[in-house]
Amino acid sequence: MPEEPAEPPVTPAAWLTSEEARDRWLDAPSDEAQLTELLTAAAEAVEAYAPVVGDPERPGWEALRRAQLTHTRNMWNAGIVSPGGEFGEGEFTMSTHPLDWHVKQLLRPKRAVPVVG
């Protein structure tokens, strides 16, 4: 008797909630309203940059949600930087950038071979 096929993993079709963000980001802001605002702003920025729905180049929800979380963290870190744009102390500083290349790469990956339409 043949085995029944395994159920495919469920792919979410929605942006991250604050609860999901906290599960993935241990240092997330404790204030619910603040985290929700950051997640919403990040989702809007990601949606604006990503290819439109229906475009074959549009990434799947996991990449969109990863980009949302990455951009949320970047915006949060940008709020705690020094006037020079870094946070941290001494030689352990890091500069933050809005919608940085990590997020952009998740949404519009650079290809080794250019696509000609």
PDB file of N, CA and C in Angstrom:
ATOM      1  N   MET A   1       0.834  -1.174   0.000  1.00  0.00           N
ATOM      2  CA  MET A   1       0.000   0.000   0.000  1.00  0.00           C
ATOM      3  C   MET A   1       0.887   1.249   0.000  1.00  0.00           C
ATOM      4  N   PRO A   2       0.667   2.173  -0.945  1.00  0.00           N
ATOM      5  CA  PRO A   2       1.535   3.360  -1.019  1.00  0.00           C
ATOM      6  C   PRO A   2       1.288   4.300   0.165  1.00  0.00           C
ATOM      7  N   GLU A   3       2.376   4.974   0.554  1.00  0.00           N
ATOM      8  CA  GLU A   3       2.270   5.948   1.642  1.00  0.00           C
ATOM      9  C   GLU A   3       1.537   7.187   1.153  1.00  0.00           C
ATOM     10  N   GLU A   4       0.806   7.784   2.074  1.00  0.00           N
ATOM     11  CA  GLU A   4       0.124   9.037   1.735  1.00  0.00           C
ATOM     12  C   GLU A   4       1.157  10.151   1.678  1.00  0.00           C
ATOM     13  N   PRO A   5       1.017  11.062   0.724  1.00  0.00           N
ATOM     14  CA  PRO A   5       1.996  12.148   0.636  1.00  0.00           C
ATOM     15  C   PRO A   5       1.936  13.020   1.891  1.00  0.00           C
ATOM     16  N   ALA A   6       3.096  13.489   2.290  1.00  0.00           N
ATOM     17  CA  ALA A   6       3.174  14.377   3.457  1.00  0.00           C
ATOM     18  C   ALA A   6       2.546  15.720   3.112  1.00  0.00           C
ATOM     19  N   GLU A   7       1.946  16.326   4.106  1.00  0.00           N
ATOM     20  CA  GLU A   7       1.364  17.654   3.928  1.00  0.00           C
ATOM     21  C   GLU A   7       2.494  18.660   3.702  1.00  0.00           C
ATOM     22  N   PRO A   8       2.352  19.542   2.729  1.00  0.00           N
ATOM     23  CA  PRO A   8       3.391  20.567   2.542  1.00  0.00           C
ATOM     24  C   PRO A   8       3.360  21.538   3.712  1.00  0.00           C
ATOM     25  N   PRO A   9       4.507  22.137   4.028  1.00  0.00           N
ATOM     26  CA  PRO A   9       4.508  23.105   5.129  1.00  0.00           C
ATOM     27  C   PRO A   9       3.599  24.281   4.798  1.00  0.00           C
ATOM     28  N   VAL A  10       2.966  24.792   5.816  1.00  0.00           N
ATOM     29  CA  VAL A  10       2.069  25.933   5.626  1.00  0.00           C
ATOM     30  C   VAL A  10       2.909  27.179   5.442  1.00  0.00           C
ATOM     31  N   THR A  11       2.662  27.892   4.382  1.00  0.00           N
ATOM     32  CA  THR A  11       3.365  29.147   4.125  1.00  0.00           C
ATOM     33  C   THR A  11       2.447  30.292   4.505  1.00  0.00           C
ATOM     34  N   PRO A  12       2.875  31.143   5.407  1.00  0.00           N
ATOM     35  CA  PRO A  12       2.016  32.251   5.818  1.00  0.00           C
ATOM     36  C   PRO A  12       1.795  33.221   4.667  1.00  0.00           C
ATOM     37  N   ALA A  13       0.651  33.824   4.649  1.00  0.00           N
ATOM     38  CA  ALA A  13       0.340  34.813   3.617  1.00  0.00           C
ATOM     39  C   ALA A  13      -0.026  36.124   4.288  1.00  0.00           C
ATOM     40  N   ALA A  14       0.779  36.510   5.252  1.00  0.00           N
ATOM     41  CA  ALA A  14       0.511  37.748   5.979  1.00  0.00           C
ATOM     42  C   ALA A  14       1.818  38.259   6.583  1.00  0.00           C
ATOM     43  N   TRP A  15       1.816  39.515   6.926  1.00  0.00           N
ATOM     44  CA  TRP A  15       2.979  40.133   7.551  1.00  0.00           C
ATOM     45  C   TRP A  15       3.125  39.630   8.975  1.00  0.00           C
ATOM     46  N   LEU A  16       4.312  39.790   9.536  1.00  0.00           N
ATOM     47  CA  LEU A  16       4.576  39.351  10.903  1.00  0.00           C
ATOM     48  C   LEU A  16       3.725  40.110  11.909  1.00  0.00           C
ATOM     49  N   THR A  17       3.270  39.399  12.926  1.00  0.00           N
ATOM     50  CA  THR A  17       2.605  40.032  14.059  1.00  0.00           C
ATOM     51  C   THR A  17       3.669  40.349  15.101  1.00  0.00           C
ATOM     52  N   SER A  18       3.312  41.134  16.091  1.00  0.00           N
ATOM     53  CA  SER A  18       4.279  41.465  17.138  1.00  0.00           C
ATOM     54  C   SER A  18       4.693  40.201  17.902  1.00  0.00           C
ATOM     55  N   GLU A  19       3.761  39.274  18.090  1.00  0.00           N
ATOM     56  CA  GLU A  19       4.094  38.026  18.786  1.00  0.00           C
ATOM     57  C   GLU A  19       5.112  37.208  17.985  1.00  0.00           C
ATOM     58  N   GLU A  20       4.892  37.100  16.679  1.00  0.00           N
ATOM     59  CA  GLU A  20       5.839  36.363  15.826  1.00  0.00           C
ATOM     60  C   GLU A  20       7.198  37.066  15.799  1.00  0.00           C
ATOM     61  N   ALA A  21       7.181  38.392  15.758  1.00  0.00           N
ATOM     62  CA  ALA A  21       8.439  39.147  15.744  1.00  0.00           C
ATOM     63  C   ALA A  21       9.220  38.888  17.028  1.00  0.00           C
ATOM     64  N   ARG A  22       8.534  38.876  18.161  1.00  0.00           N
ATOM     65  CA  ARG A  22       9.216  38.622  19.438  1.00  0.00           C
ATOM     66  C   ARG A  22       9.790  37.207  19.501  1.00  0.00           C
ATOM     67  N   ASP A  23       9.121  36.253  18.867  1.00  0.00           N
ATOM     68  CA  ASP A  23       9.653  34.884  18.828  1.00  0.00           C
ATOM     69  C   ASP A  23      10.962  34.821  18.060  1.00  0.00           C
ATOM     70  N   ARG A  24      11.117  35.691  17.066  1.00  0.00           N
ATOM     71  CA  ARG A  24      12.308  35.692  16.204  1.00  0.00           C
ATOM     72  C   ARG A  24      13.356  36.711  16.625  1.00  0.00           C
ATOM     73  N   TRP A  25      12.963  37.690  17.452  1.00  0.00           N
ATOM     74  CA  TRP A  25      13.860  38.796  17.824  1.00  0.00           C
ATOM     75  C   TRP A  25      13.820  38.955  19.337  1.00  0.00           C
ATOM     76  N   LEU A  26      14.820  38.420  20.007  1.00  0.00           N
ATOM     77  CA  LEU A  26      14.822  38.404  21.472  1.00  0.00           C
ATOM     78  C   LEU A  26      14.888  39.796  22.094  1.00  0.00           C
ATOM     79  N   ASP A  27      15.512  40.757  21.407  1.00  0.00           N
ATOM     80  CA  ASP A  27      15.657  42.108  21.942  1.00  0.00           C
ATOM     81  C   ASP A  27      14.617  43.074  21.385  1.00  0.00           C
ATOM     82  N   ALA A  28      13.484  42.558  20.949  1.00  0.00           N
ATOM     83  CA  ALA A  28      12.425  43.415  20.388  1.00  0.00           C
ATOM     84  C   ALA A  28      11.931  44.389  21.454  1.00  0.00           C
ATOM     85  N   PRO A  29      11.477  45.570  21.026  1.00  0.00           N
ATOM     86  CA  PRO A  29      10.948  46.527  22.001  1.00  0.00           C
ATOM     87  C   PRO A  29       9.815  45.899  22.812  1.00  0.00           C
ATOM     88  N   SER A  30       9.791  46.185  24.108  1.00  0.00           N
ATOM     89  CA  SER A  30       8.764  45.595  24.971  1.00  0.00           C
ATOM     90  C   SER A  30       7.415  46.293  24.823  1.00  0.00           C
ATOM     91  N   ASP A  31       7.425  47.544  24.358  1.00  0.00           N
ATOM     92  CA  ASP A  31       6.183  48.294  24.181  1.00  0.00           C
ATOM     93  C   ASP A  31       5.438  47.787  22.943  1.00  0.00           C
ATOM     94  N   GLU A  32       4.238  47.258  23.162  1.00  0.00           N
ATOM     95  CA  GLU A  32       3.447  46.655  22.081  1.00  0.00           C
ATOM     96  C   GLU A  32       3.149  47.644  20.953  1.00  0.00           C
ATOM     97  N   ALA A  33       2.721  48.845  21.317  1.00  0.00           N
ATOM     98  CA  ALA A  33       2.366  49.845  20.305  1.00  0.00           C
ATOM     99  C   ALA A  33       3.585  50.236  19.472  1.00  0.00           C
ATOM    100  N   GLN A  34       4.714  50.373  20.117  1.00  0.00           N
ATOM    101  CA  GLN A  34       5.940  50.767  19.411  1.00  0.00           C
ATOM    102  C   GLN A  34       6.373  49.674  18.432  1.00  0.00           C
ATOM    103  N   LEU A  35       6.336  48.420  18.875  1.00  0.00           N
ATOM    104  CA  LEU A  35       6.722  47.320  17.996  1.00  0.00           C
ATOM    105  C   LEU A  35       5.751  47.194  16.825  1.00  0.00           C
ATOM    106  N   THR A  36       4.463  47.330  17.094  1.00  0.00           N
ATOM    107  CA  THR A  36       3.461  47.245  16.032  1.00  0.00           C
ATOM    108  C   THR A  36       3.669  48.351  15.004  1.00  0.00           C
ATOM    109  N   GLU A  37       3.972  49.553  15.480  1.00  0.00           N
ATOM    110  CA  GLU A  37       4.231  50.671  14.567  1.00  0.00           C
ATOM    111  C   GLU A  37       5.450  50.399  13.691  1.00  0.00           C
ATOM    112  N   LEU A  38       6.517  49.874  14.285  1.00  0.00           N
ATOM    113  CA  LEU A  38       7.724  49.550  13.518  1.00  0.00           C
ATOM    114  C   LEU A  38       7.447  48.460  12.485  1.00  0.00           C
ATOM    115  N   LEU A  39       6.714  47.418  12.886  1.00  0.00           N
ATOM    116  CA  LEU A  39       6.389  46.330  11.957  1.00  0.00           C
ATOM    117  C   LEU A  39       5.534  46.823  10.797  1.00  0.00           C
ATOM    118  N   THR A  40       4.584  47.695  11.089  1.00  0.00           N
ATOM    119  CA  THR A  40       3.711  48.233  10.045  1.00  0.00           C
ATOM    120  C   THR A  40       4.510  49.098   9.064  1.00  0.00           C
ATOM    121  N   ALA A  41       5.353  49.972   9.606  1.00  0.00           N
ATOM    122  CA  ALA A  41       6.177  50.824   8.741  1.00  0.00           C
ATOM    123  C   ALA A  41       7.124  49.988   7.884  1.00  0.00           C
ATOM    124  N   ALA A  42       7.708  48.952   8.475  1.00  0.00           N
ATOM    125  CA  ALA A  42       8.616  48.083   7.719  1.00  0.00           C
ATOM    126  C   ALA A  42       7.862  47.335   6.625  1.00  0.00           C
ATOM    127  N   ALA A  43       6.669  46.837   6.938  1.00  0.00           N
ATOM    128  CA  ALA A  43       5.873  46.127   5.929  1.00  0.00           C
ATOM    129  C   ALA A  43       5.544  47.049   4.764  1.00  0.00           C
ATOM    130  N   GLU A  44       5.210  48.297   5.052  1.00  0.00           N
ATOM    131  CA  GLU A  44       4.898  49.255   3.984  1.00  0.00           C
ATOM    132  C   GLU A  44       6.119  49.534   3.120  1.00  0.00           C
ATOM    133  N   ALA A  45       7.289  49.675   3.744  1.00  0.00           N
ATOM    134  CA  ALA A  45       8.514  49.926   2.984  1.00  0.00           C
ATOM    135  C   ALA A  45       8.882  48.716   2.123  1.00  0.00           C
ATOM    136  N   VAL A  46       8.753  47.535   2.692  1.00  0.00           N
ATOM    137  CA  VAL A  46       9.052  46.311   1.955  1.00  0.00           C
ATOM    138  C   VAL A  46       8.093  46.159   0.778  1.00  0.00           C
ATOM    139  N   GLU A  47       6.814  46.395   1.020  1.00  0.00           N
ATOM    140  CA  GLU A  47       5.811  46.279  -0.046  1.00  0.00           C
ATOM    141  C   GLU A  47       6.082  47.288  -1.159  1.00  0.00           C
ATOM    142  N   ALA A  48       6.499  48.488  -0.787  1.00  0.00           N
ATOM    143  CA  ALA A  48       6.772  49.520  -1.790  1.00  0.00           C
ATOM    144  C   ALA A  48       7.982  49.155  -2.652  1.00  0.00           C
ATOM    145  N   TYR A  49       8.963  48.479  -2.069  1.00  0.00           N
ATOM    146  CA  TYR A  49      10.182  48.148  -2.815  1.00  0.00           C
ATOM    147  C   TYR A  49      10.063  46.835  -3.583  1.00  0.00           C
ATOM    148  N   ALA A  50       9.338  45.881  -3.049  1.00  0.00           N
ATOM    149  CA  ALA A  50       9.237  44.561  -3.672  1.00  0.00           C
ATOM    150  C   ALA A  50       8.494  44.638  -5.002  1.00  0.00           C
ATOM    151  N   PRO A  51       8.775  43.713  -5.912  1.00  0.00           N
ATOM    152  CA  PRO A  51       7.980  43.647  -7.147  1.00  0.00           C
ATOM    153  C   PRO A  51       6.496  43.462  -6.806  1.00  0.00           C
ATOM    154  N   VAL A  52       5.628  43.949  -7.670  1.00  0.00           N
ATOM    155  CA  VAL A  52       4.183  43.908  -7.405  1.00  0.00           C
ATOM    156  C   VAL A  52       3.662  42.471  -7.364  1.00  0.00           C
ATOM    157  N   VAL A  53       2.532  42.290  -6.690  1.00  0.00           N
ATOM    158  CA  VAL A  53       1.882  40.984  -6.636  1.00  0.00           C
ATOM    159  C   VAL A  53       1.568  40.536  -8.061  1.00  0.00           C
ATOM    160  N   GLY A  54       1.856  39.297  -8.359  1.00  0.00           N
ATOM    161  CA  GLY A  54       1.635  38.771  -9.704  1.00  0.00           C
ATOM    162  C   GLY A  54       2.891  38.764 -10.556  1.00  0.00           C
ATOM    163  N   ASP A  55       3.879  39.570 -10.193  1.00  0.00           N
ATOM    164  CA  ASP A  55       5.157  39.585 -10.917  1.00  0.00           C
ATOM    165  C   ASP A  55       5.909  38.304 -10.562  1.00  0.00           C
ATOM    166  N   PRO A  56       6.390  37.560 -11.559  1.00  0.00           N
ATOM    167  CA  PRO A  56       7.109  36.321 -11.252  1.00  0.00           C
ATOM    168  C   PRO A  56       8.391  36.541 -10.449  1.00  0.00           C
ATOM    169  N   GLU A  57       8.898  37.757 -10.424  1.00  0.00           N
ATOM    170  CA  GLU A  57      10.097  38.070  -9.652  1.00  0.00           C
ATOM    171  C   GLU A  57       9.796  38.349  -8.179  1.00  0.00           C
ATOM    172  N   ARG A  58       8.519  38.461  -7.831  1.00  0.00           N
ATOM    173  CA  ARG A  58       8.160  38.756  -6.441  1.00  0.00           C
ATOM    174  C   ARG A  58       8.550  37.573  -5.561  1.00  0.00           C
ATOM    175  N   PRO A  59       9.249  37.853  -4.443  1.00  0.00           N
ATOM    176  CA  PRO A  59       9.653  36.760  -3.561  1.00  0.00           C
ATOM    177  C   PRO A  59       8.456  36.189  -2.809  1.00  0.00           C
ATOM    178  N   GLY A  60       8.640  35.025  -2.213  1.00  0.00           N
ATOM    179  CA  GLY A  60       7.597  34.393  -1.415  1.00  0.00           C
ATOM    180  C   GLY A  60       7.449  35.076  -0.061  1.00  0.00           C
ATOM    181  N   TRP A  61       6.434  34.627   0.674  1.00  0.00           N
ATOM    182  CA  TRP A  61       6.138  35.260   1.960  1.00  0.00           C
ATOM    183  C   TRP A  61       7.257  35.124   2.972  1.00  0.00           C
ATOM    184  N   GLU A  62       7.986  34.022   2.958  1.00  0.00           N
ATOM    185  CA  GLU A  62       9.069  33.893   3.936  1.00  0.00           C
ATOM    186  C   GLU A  62      10.130  34.967   3.726  1.00  0.00           C
ATOM    187  N   ALA A  63      10.480  35.245   2.469  1.00  0.00           N
ATOM    188  CA  ALA A  63      11.456  36.302   2.187  1.00  0.00           C
ATOM    189  C   ALA A  63      10.882  37.674   2.523  1.00  0.00           C
ATOM    190  N   LEU A  64       9.605  37.895   2.221  1.00  0.00           N
ATOM    191  CA  LEU A  64       8.972  39.175   2.553  1.00  0.00           C
ATOM    192  C   LEU A  64       8.951  39.395   4.060  1.00  0.00           C
ATOM    193  N   ARG A  65       8.613  38.357   4.812  1.00  0.00           N
ATOM    194  CA  ARG A  65       8.564  38.466   6.269  1.00  0.00           C
ATOM    195  C   ARG A  65       9.963  38.638   6.854  1.00  0.00           C
ATOM    196  N   ARG A  66      10.962  37.978   6.291  1.00  0.00           N
ATOM    197  CA  ARG A  66      12.344  38.147   6.755  1.00  0.00           C
ATOM    198  C   ARG A  66      12.799  39.581   6.480  1.00  0.00           C
ATOM    199  N   ALA A  67      12.460  40.111   5.312  1.00  0.00           N
ATOM    200  CA  ALA A  67      12.804  41.498   4.989  1.00  0.00           C
ATOM    201  C   ALA A  67      12.094  42.452   5.943  1.00  0.00           C
ATOM    202  N   GLN A  68      10.837  42.174   6.264  1.00  0.00           N
ATOM    203  CA  GLN A  68      10.090  43.013   7.203  1.00  0.00           C
ATOM    204  C   GLN A  68      10.783  43.032   8.570  1.00  0.00           C
ATOM    205  N   LEU A  69      11.168  41.864   9.069  1.00  0.00           N
ATOM    206  CA  LEU A  69      11.811  41.806  10.381  1.00  0.00           C
ATOM    207  C   LEU A  69      13.177  42.492  10.353  1.00  0.00           C
ATOM    208  N   THR A  70      13.945  42.255   9.299  1.00  0.00           N
ATOM    209  CA  THR A  70      15.264  42.889   9.186  1.00  0.00           C
ATOM    210  C   THR A  70      15.128  44.406   9.156  1.00  0.00           C
ATOM    211  N   HIS A  71      14.181  44.904   8.378  1.00  0.00           N
ATOM    212  CA  HIS A  71      13.998  46.352   8.297  1.00  0.00           C
ATOM    213  C   HIS A  71      13.449  46.909   9.613  1.00  0.00           C
ATOM    214  N   THR A  72      12.599  46.162  10.293  1.00  0.00           N
ATOM    215  CA  THR A  72      12.099  46.586  11.608  1.00  0.00           C
ATOM    216  C   THR A  72      13.261  46.748  12.573  1.00  0.00           C
ATOM    217  N   ARG A  73      14.138  45.760  12.601  1.00  0.00           N
ATOM    218  CA  ARG A  73      15.301  45.839  13.488  1.00  0.00           C
ATOM    219  C   ARG A  73      16.198  47.017  13.114  1.00  0.00           C
ATOM    220  N   ASN A  74      16.389  47.239  11.819  1.00  0.00           N
ATOM    221  CA  ASN A  74      17.219  48.365  11.377  1.00  0.00           C
ATOM    222  C   ASN A  74      16.622  49.696  11.812  1.00  0.00           C
ATOM    223  N   MET A  75      15.300  49.830  11.684  1.00  0.00           N
ATOM    224  CA  MET A  75      14.663  51.088  12.106  1.00  0.00           C
ATOM    225  C   MET A  75      14.782  51.272  13.614  1.00  0.00           C
ATOM    226  N   TRP A  76      14.613  50.194  14.372  1.00  0.00           N
ATOM    227  CA  TRP A  76      14.752  50.267  15.823  1.00  0.00           C
ATOM    228  C   TRP A  76      16.182  50.680  16.191  1.00  0.00           C
ATOM    229  N   ASN A  77      17.175  50.043  15.561  1.00  0.00           N
ATOM    230  CA  ASN A  77      18.572  50.376  15.833  1.00  0.00           C
ATOM    231  C   ASN A  77      18.899  51.807  15.415  1.00  0.00           C
ATOM    232  N   ALA A  78      18.283  52.281  14.341  1.00  0.00           N
ATOM    233  CA  ALA A  78      18.528  53.655  13.895  1.00  0.00           C
ATOM    234  C   ALA A  78      18.068  54.665  14.940  1.00  0.00           C
ATOM    235  N   GLY A  79      17.100  54.289  15.743  1.00  0.00           N
ATOM    236  CA  GLY A  79      16.604  55.186  16.789  1.00  0.00           C
ATOM    237  C   GLY A  79      17.497  55.266  18.004  1.00  0.00           C
ATOM    238  N   ILE A  80      18.474  54.364  18.106  1.00  0.00           N
ATOM    239  CA  ILE A  80      19.354  54.370  19.277  1.00  0.00           C
ATOM    240  C   ILE A  80      20.810  54.642  18.900  1.00  0.00           C
ATOM    241  N   VAL A  81      21.017  55.228  17.740  1.00  0.00           N
ATOM    242  CA  VAL A  81      22.388  55.502  17.287  1.00  0.00           C
ATOM    243  C   VAL A  81      22.848  56.865  17.773  1.00  0.00           C
ATOM    244  N   SER A  82      24.146  57.074  17.680  1.00  0.00           N
ATOM    245  CA  SER A  82      24.730  58.361  18.029  1.00  0.00           C
ATOM    246  C   SER A  82      24.467  59.359  16.906  1.00  0.00           C
ATOM    247  N   PRO A  83      24.702  60.639  17.146  1.00  0.00           N
ATOM    248  CA  PRO A  83      24.510  61.633  16.073  1.00  0.00           C
ATOM    249  C   PRO A  83      25.356  61.353  14.831  1.00  0.00           C
ATOM    250  N   GLY A  84      26.459  60.608  14.987  1.00  0.00           N
ATOM    251  CA  GLY A  84      27.307  60.266  13.850  1.00  0.00           C
ATOM    252  C   GLY A  84      26.785  59.096  13.040  1.00  0.00           C
ATOM    253  N   GLY A  85      25.701  58.461  13.511  1.00  0.00           N
ATOM    254  CA  GLY A  85      25.112  57.363  12.762  1.00  0.00           C
ATOM    255  C   GLY A  85      25.560  55.978  13.196  1.00  0.00           C
ATOM    256  N   GLU A  86      26.304  55.890  14.308  1.00  0.00           N
ATOM    257  CA  GLU A  86      26.745  54.589  14.789  1.00  0.00           C
ATOM    258  C   GLU A  86      26.132  54.309  16.150  1.00  0.00           C
ATOM    259  N   PHE A  87      26.061  53.048  16.494  1.00  0.00           N
ATOM    260  CA  PHE A  87      25.750  52.708  17.872  1.00  0.00           C
ATOM    261  C   PHE A  87      26.742  51.667  18.341  1.00  0.00           C
ATOM    262  N   GLY A  88      26.898  51.574  19.628  1.00  0.00           N
ATOM    263  CA  GLY A  88      27.927  50.720  20.210  1.00  0.00           C
ATOM    264  C   GLY A  88      28.976  51.607  20.840  1.00  0.00           C
ATOM    265  N   GLU A  89      30.040  50.986  21.332  1.00  0.00           N
ATOM    266  CA  GLU A  89      31.085  51.748  21.991  1.00  0.00           C
ATOM    267  C   GLU A  89      32.456  51.361  21.451  1.00  0.00           C
ATOM    268  N   GLY A  90      33.345  52.342  21.413  1.00  0.00           N
ATOM    269  CA  GLY A  90      34.727  52.081  21.015  1.00  0.00           C
ATOM    270  C   GLY A  90      34.838  51.478  19.637  1.00  0.00           C
ATOM    271  N   GLU A  91      35.581  50.386  19.544  1.00  0.00           N
ATOM    272  CA  GLU A  91      35.787  49.735  18.253  1.00  0.00           C
ATOM    273  C   GLU A  91      34.613  48.849  17.850  1.00  0.00           C
ATOM    274  N   PHE A  92      33.633  48.700  18.721  1.00  0.00           N
ATOM    275  CA  PHE A  92      32.481  47.841  18.447  1.00  0.00           C
ATOM    276  C   PHE A  92      31.264  48.667  18.068  1.00  0.00           C
ATOM    277  N   THR A  93      31.401  49.485  17.042  1.00  0.00           N
ATOM    278  CA  THR A  93      30.285  50.305  16.582  1.00  0.00           C
ATOM    279  C   THR A  93      29.765  49.765  15.263  1.00  0.00           C
ATOM    280  N   MET A  94      28.532  50.115  14.971  1.00  0.00           N
ATOM    281  CA  MET A  94      27.907  49.668  13.735  1.00  0.00           C
ATOM    282  C   MET A  94      27.067  50.803  13.181  1.00  0.00           C
ATOM    283  N   SER A  95      27.146  51.046  11.893  1.00  0.00           N
ATOM    284  CA  SER A  95      26.320  52.055  11.250  1.00  0.00           C
ATOM    285  C   SER A  95      25.032  51.407  10.755  1.00  0.00           C
ATOM    286  N   THR A  96      23.954  52.171  10.786  1.00  0.00           N
ATOM    287  CA  THR A  96      22.680  51.654  10.301  1.00  0.00           C
ATOM    288  C   THR A  96      22.292  52.384   9.025  1.00  0.00           C
ATOM    289  N   HIS A  97      21.525  51.717   8.187  1.00  0.00           N
ATOM    290  CA  HIS A  97      21.112  52.282   6.911  1.00  0.00           C
ATOM    291  C   HIS A  97      19.647  51.935   6.665  1.00  0.00           C
ATOM    292  N   PRO A  98      18.854  52.872   6.161  1.00  0.00           N
ATOM    293  CA  PRO A  98      17.456  52.551   5.871  1.00  0.00           C
ATOM    294  C   PRO A  98      17.344  51.614   4.671  1.00  0.00           C
ATOM    295  N   LEU A  99      16.472  50.657   4.764  1.00  0.00           N
ATOM    296  CA  LEU A  99      16.244  49.638   3.726  1.00  0.00           C
ATOM    297  C   LEU A  99      17.587  49.217   3.118  1.00  0.00           C
ATOM    298  N   ASP A 100      18.440  48.656   3.972  1.00  0.00           N
ATOM    299  CA  ASP A 100      19.801  48.331   3.563  1.00  0.00           C
ATOM    300  C   ASP A 100      19.851  47.213   2.522  1.00  0.00           C
ATOM    301  N   TRP A 101      21.028  46.929   2.053  1.00  0.00           N
ATOM    302  CA  TRP A 101      21.195  45.989   0.948  1.00  0.00           C
ATOM    303  C   TRP A 101      20.734  44.587   1.310  1.00  0.00           C
ATOM    304  N   HIS A 102      20.777  44.206   2.595  1.00  0.00           N
ATOM    305  CA  HIS A 102      20.276  42.880   2.981  1.00  0.00           C
ATOM    306  C   HIS A 102      18.787  42.759   2.666  1.00  0.00           C
ATOM    307  N   VAL A 103      18.050  43.806   3.021  1.00  0.00           N
ATOM    308  CA  VAL A 103      16.607  43.812   2.782  1.00  0.00           C
ATOM    309  C   VAL A 103      16.342  43.853   1.277  1.00  0.00           C
ATOM    310  N   LYS A 104      17.037  44.717   0.565  1.00  0.00           N
ATOM    311  CA  LYS A 104      16.840  44.829  -0.880  1.00  0.00           C
ATOM    312  C   LYS A 104      17.162  43.508  -1.588  1.00  0.00           C
ATOM    313  N   GLN A 105      18.204  42.805  -1.138  1.00  0.00           N
ATOM    314  CA  GLN A 105      18.569  41.538  -1.754  1.00  0.00           C
ATOM    315  C   GLN A 105      17.482  40.485  -1.539  1.00  0.00           C
ATOM    316  N   LEU A 106      16.817  40.521  -0.390  1.00  0.00           N
ATOM    317  CA  LEU A 106      15.712  39.589  -0.149  1.00  0.00           C
ATOM    318  C   LEU A 106      14.548  39.855  -1.102  1.00  0.00           C
ATOM    319  N   LEU A 107      14.348  41.123  -1.442  1.00  0.00           N
ATOM    320  CA  LEU A 107      13.182  41.503  -2.230  1.00  0.00           C
ATOM    321  C   LEU A 107      13.430  41.494  -3.735  1.00  0.00           C
ATOM    322  N   ARG A 108      14.608  41.893  -4.151  1.00  0.00           N
ATOM    323  CA  ARG A 108      14.963  41.932  -5.571  1.00  0.00           C
ATOM    324  C   ARG A 108      16.372  41.367  -5.724  1.00  0.00           C
ATOM    325  N   PRO A 109      16.492  40.033  -5.675  1.00  0.00           N
ATOM    326  CA  PRO A 109      17.825  39.427  -5.722  1.00  0.00           C
ATOM    327  C   PRO A 109      18.568  39.758  -7.014  1.00  0.00           C
ATOM    328  N   LYS A 110      19.856  40.046  -6.858  1.00  0.00           N
ATOM    329  CA  LYS A 110      20.676  40.265  -8.041  1.00  0.00           C
ATOM    330  C   LYS A 110      20.986  38.902  -8.637  1.00  0.00           C
ATOM    331  N   ARG A 111      20.881  38.819  -9.924  1.00  0.00           N
ATOM    332  CA  ARG A 111      21.092  37.566 -10.632  1.00  0.00           C
ATOM    333  C   ARG A 111      22.463  37.593 -11.304  1.00  0.00           C
ATOM    334  N   ALA A 112      23.054  36.412 -11.433  1.00  0.00           N
ATOM    335  CA  ALA A 112      24.345  36.316 -12.100  1.00  0.00           C
ATOM    336  C   ALA A 112      24.204  36.589 -13.598  1.00  0.00           C
ATOM    337  N   VAL A 113      23.070  36.226 -14.159  1.00  0.00           N
ATOM    338  CA  VAL A 113      22.803  36.429 -15.588  1.00  0.00           C
ATOM    339  C   VAL A 113      21.657  37.424 -15.699  1.00  0.00           C
ATOM    340  N   PRO A 114      21.843  38.544 -16.390  1.00  0.00           N
ATOM    341  CA  PRO A 114      20.766  39.501 -16.518  1.00  0.00           C
ATOM    342  C   PRO A 114      19.567  38.909 -17.280  1.00  0.00           C
ATOM    343  N   VAL A 115      18.401  39.306 -16.860  1.00  0.00           N
ATOM    344  CA  VAL A 115      17.173  38.848 -17.513  1.00  0.00           C
ATOM    345  C   VAL A 115      16.790  39.870 -18.570  1.00  0.00           C
ATOM    346  N   VAL A 116      16.567  39.403 -19.804  1.00  0.00           N
ATOM    347  CA  VAL A 116      16.172  40.294 -20.893  1.00  0.00           C
ATOM    348  C   VAL A 116      14.710  40.024 -21.186  1.00  0.00           C
ATOM    349  N   GLY A 117      13.894  41.068 -21.104  1.00  0.00           N
ATOM    350  CA  GLY A 117      12.457  40.896 -21.272  1.00  0.00           C
ATOM    351  C   GLY A 117      12.086  41.116 -22.644  1.00  0.00           C
TER     352      GLY A 117
END
